[in-house]
C-alpha atoms as a PDB file:
ATOM      1  CA  MET A   1       4.473  24.101  -3.776  1.00  0.00           C
ATOM      2  CA  THR A   2       5.984  27.485  -3.279  1.00  0.00           C
ATOM      3  CA  ASN A   3       2.741  29.922  -3.256  1.00  0.00           C
ATOM      4  CA  LEU A   4       2.667  30.694   0.386  1.00  0.00           C
ATOM      5  CA  LYS A   5      -0.953  31.039   0.078  1.00  0.00           C
ATOM      6  CA  LEU A   6      -1.781  27.719  -0.981  1.00  0.00           C
ATOM      7  CA  ARG A   7       0.470  25.827   1.447  1.00  0.00           C
ATOM      8  CA  GLN A   8      -1.173  27.783   4.548  1.00  0.00           C
ATOM      9  CA  ALA A   9      -4.628  27.009   2.729  1.00  0.00           C
ATOM     10  CA  ALA A  10      -3.141  23.490   2.555  1.00  0.00           C
ATOM     11  CA  ALA A  11      -1.850  23.230   5.568  1.00  0.00           C
ATOM     12  CA  THR A  12      -5.410  24.492   7.355  1.00  0.00           C
ATOM     13  CA  ALA A  13      -7.245  22.014   5.360  1.00  0.00           C
ATOM     14  CA  LEU A  14      -4.837  19.317   6.489  1.00  0.00           C
ATOM     15  CA  ASN A  15      -4.742  19.877  10.177  1.00  0.00           C
ATOM     16  CA  MET A  16      -6.085  16.387  12.326  1.00  0.00           C
ATOM     17  CA  GLN A  17      -5.739  17.981  15.528  1.00  0.00           C
ATOM     18  CA  PRO A  18      -9.259  18.675  15.449  1.00  0.00           C
ATOM     19  CA  VAL A  19     -10.335  15.888  14.097  1.00  0.00           C
ATOM     20  CA  LEU A  20      -8.504  13.759  17.071  1.00  0.00           C
ATOM     21  CA  ARG A  21      -9.740  15.351  19.535  1.00  0.00           C
ATOM     22  CA  ALA A  22     -13.038  15.014  18.433  1.00  0.00           C
ATOM     23  CA  TRP A  23     -12.187  10.818  18.003  1.00  0.00           C
ATOM     24  CA  VAL A  24      -9.652  10.376  21.017  1.00  0.00           C
ATOM     25  CA  GLY A  25      -9.885  12.927  23.192  1.00  0.00           C
ATOM     26  CA  PRO A  26      -7.277  14.646  24.578  1.00  0.00           C
ATOM     27  CA  GLN A  27      -3.544  14.973  23.050  1.00  0.00           C
ATOM     28  CA  LYS A  28      -2.055  13.044  26.039  1.00  0.00           C
ATOM     29  CA  LEU A  29      -4.189  10.376  24.251  1.00  0.00           C
ATOM     30  CA  TRP A  30      -3.465  10.000  20.607  1.00  0.00           C
ATOM     31  CA  ALA A  31       0.375  10.737  22.030  1.00  0.00           C
ATOM     32  CA  LEU A  32       0.385   7.396  23.655  1.00  0.00           C
ATOM     33  CA  ASN A  33       2.223   4.818  22.108  1.00  0.00           C
ATOM     34  CA  GLY A  34       0.123   1.334  21.414  1.00  0.00           C
ATOM     35  CA  ALA A  35       3.170  -0.839  21.821  1.00  0.00           C
ATOM     36  CA  LEU A  36       2.600  -3.883  23.528  1.00  0.00           C
ATOM     37  CA  MET A  37       6.789  -3.622  24.212  1.00  0.00           C
ATOM     38  CA  PRO A  38       7.632  -0.115  24.734  1.00  0.00           C
ATOM     39  CA  PRO A  39      10.820   1.381  24.978  1.00  0.00           C
ATOM     40  CA  GLY A  40      12.685   0.418  27.999  1.00  0.00           C
ATOM     41  CA  THR A  41      11.491  -3.003  28.420  1.00  0.00           C
ATOM     42  CA  LYS A  42      14.102  -5.364  28.464  1.00  0.00           C
ATOM     43  CA  CYS A  43      12.263  -7.255  25.505  1.00  0.00           C
ATOM     44  CA  ARG A  44      13.919  -4.895  22.529  1.00  0.00           C
ATOM     45  CA  TYR A  45      12.848  -4.776  18.321  1.00  0.00           C
ATOM     46  CA  ASN A  46      14.594  -7.350  16.969  1.00  0.00           C
ATOM     47  CA  SER A  47      15.798  -9.125  20.058  1.00  0.00           C
ATOM     48  CA  VAL A  48      15.821 -13.238  19.766  1.00  0.00           C
ATOM     49  CA  ALA A  49      12.209 -13.099  22.022  1.00  0.00           C
ATOM     50  CA  ASP A  50      10.988 -10.381  19.085  1.00  0.00           C
ATOM     51  CA  GLN A  51      11.515 -12.246  16.274  1.00  0.00           C
ATOM     52  CA  THR A  52      10.606 -15.685  18.124  1.00  0.00           C
ATOM     53  CA  PHE A  53       7.007 -14.367  19.099  1.00  0.00           C
ATOM     54  CA  SER A  54       6.970 -13.005  16.193  1.00  0.00           C
ATOM     55  CA  GLY A  55       7.558 -15.781  13.753  1.00  0.00           C
ATOM     56  CA  THR A  56       5.165 -18.151  15.666  1.00  0.00           C
ATOM     57  CA  ALA A  57       2.208 -15.388  15.552  1.00  0.00           C
ATOM     58  CA  MET A  58       2.657 -15.116  11.601  1.00  0.00           C
ATOM     59  CA  LEU A  59       2.801 -19.334  11.507  1.00  0.00           C
ATOM     60  CA  ALA A  60      -0.457 -19.719  13.385  1.00  0.00           C
ATOM     61  CA  ALA A  61      -1.799 -16.624  11.581  1.00  0.00           C
ATOM     62  CA  SER A  62      -0.796 -18.267   8.448  1.00  0.00           C
ATOM     63  CA  VAL A  63      -2.477 -21.872   9.154  1.00  0.00           C
ATOM     64  CA  PRO A  64      -5.687 -23.009   7.186  1.00  0.00           C
ATOM     65  CA  THR A  65      -8.359 -23.331   9.960  1.00  0.00           C
ATOM     66  CA  PHE A  66      -9.208 -27.101   7.510  1.00  0.00           C
ATOM     67  CA  TRP A  67      -5.722 -28.316   7.894  1.00  0.00           C
ATOM     68  CA  LEU A  68      -5.826 -27.204  11.558  1.00  0.00           C
ATOM     69  CA  GLY A  69      -9.566 -28.793  11.776  1.00  0.00           C
ATOM     70  CA  LEU A  70      -8.174 -32.256  10.348  1.00  0.00           C
ATOM     71  CA  ASN A  71      -5.042 -32.519  12.433  1.00  0.00           C
ATOM     72  CA  LEU A  72      -6.712 -31.481  15.339  1.00  0.00           C
ATOM     73  CA  MET A  73      -8.808 -34.371  14.857  1.00  0.00           C
ATOM     74  CA  LEU A  74      -6.132 -36.883  13.767  1.00  0.00           C
ATOM     75  CA  ILE A  75      -4.637 -35.918  17.134  1.00  0.00           C
ATOM     76  CA  PHE A  76      -7.592 -35.859  19.782  1.00  0.00           C
ATOM     77  CA  ALA A  77      -9.318 -38.496  17.879  1.00  0.00           C
ATOM     78  CA  VAL A  78      -7.117 -41.356  15.959  1.00  0.00           C
ATOM     79  CA  ILE A  79      -3.625 -40.674  17.949  1.00  0.00           C
ATOM     80  CA  LEU A  80      -5.407 -40.040  21.941  1.00  0.00           C
ATOM     81  CA  GLY A  81      -8.847 -41.425  21.747  1.00  0.00           C
ATOM     82  CA  LEU A  82     -10.373 -38.577  23.465  1.00  0.00           C
ATOM     83  CA  ALA A  83     -12.836 -38.021  21.270  1.00  0.00           C
ATOM     84  CA  SER A  84     -14.960 -40.180  18.152  1.00  0.00           C
ATOM     85  CA  GLU A  85     -14.114 -39.194  14.594  1.00  0.00           C
ATOM     86  CA  LEU A  86     -17.770 -39.132  13.624  1.00  0.00           C
ATOM     87  CA  GLY A  87     -18.070 -36.576  16.139  1.00  0.00           C
ATOM     88  CA  VAL A  88     -21.060 -38.567  18.080  1.00  0.00           C
ATOM     89  CA  SER A  89     -20.671 -41.489  19.850  1.00  0.00           C
ATOM     90  CA  LEU A  90     -23.013 -44.416  18.442  1.00  0.00           C
ATOM     91  CA  GLY A  91     -23.014 -46.719  21.437  1.00  0.00           C
ATOM     92  CA  LEU A  92     -21.220 -49.652  19.598  1.00  0.00           C
END
């Protein structure tokens, strides 16, 4: 945009500070970093721990629930014998 008046009008129209102030509150709140491990902690981005936790979370989120349920039924009912395969005890 080469027109100065048009740029000023666009900057005024796209000013998000009043919106953020009304939605979040003081500016200190929207300047906060929402990371669980902010800079200054021992665990850094792309470290071995970060890669391990990220990979585990991605694997857990991508497991289909029906597959997880069938495998948990196999483990607890058939292998460990802690539950009934049918969900109820027939008393036989």
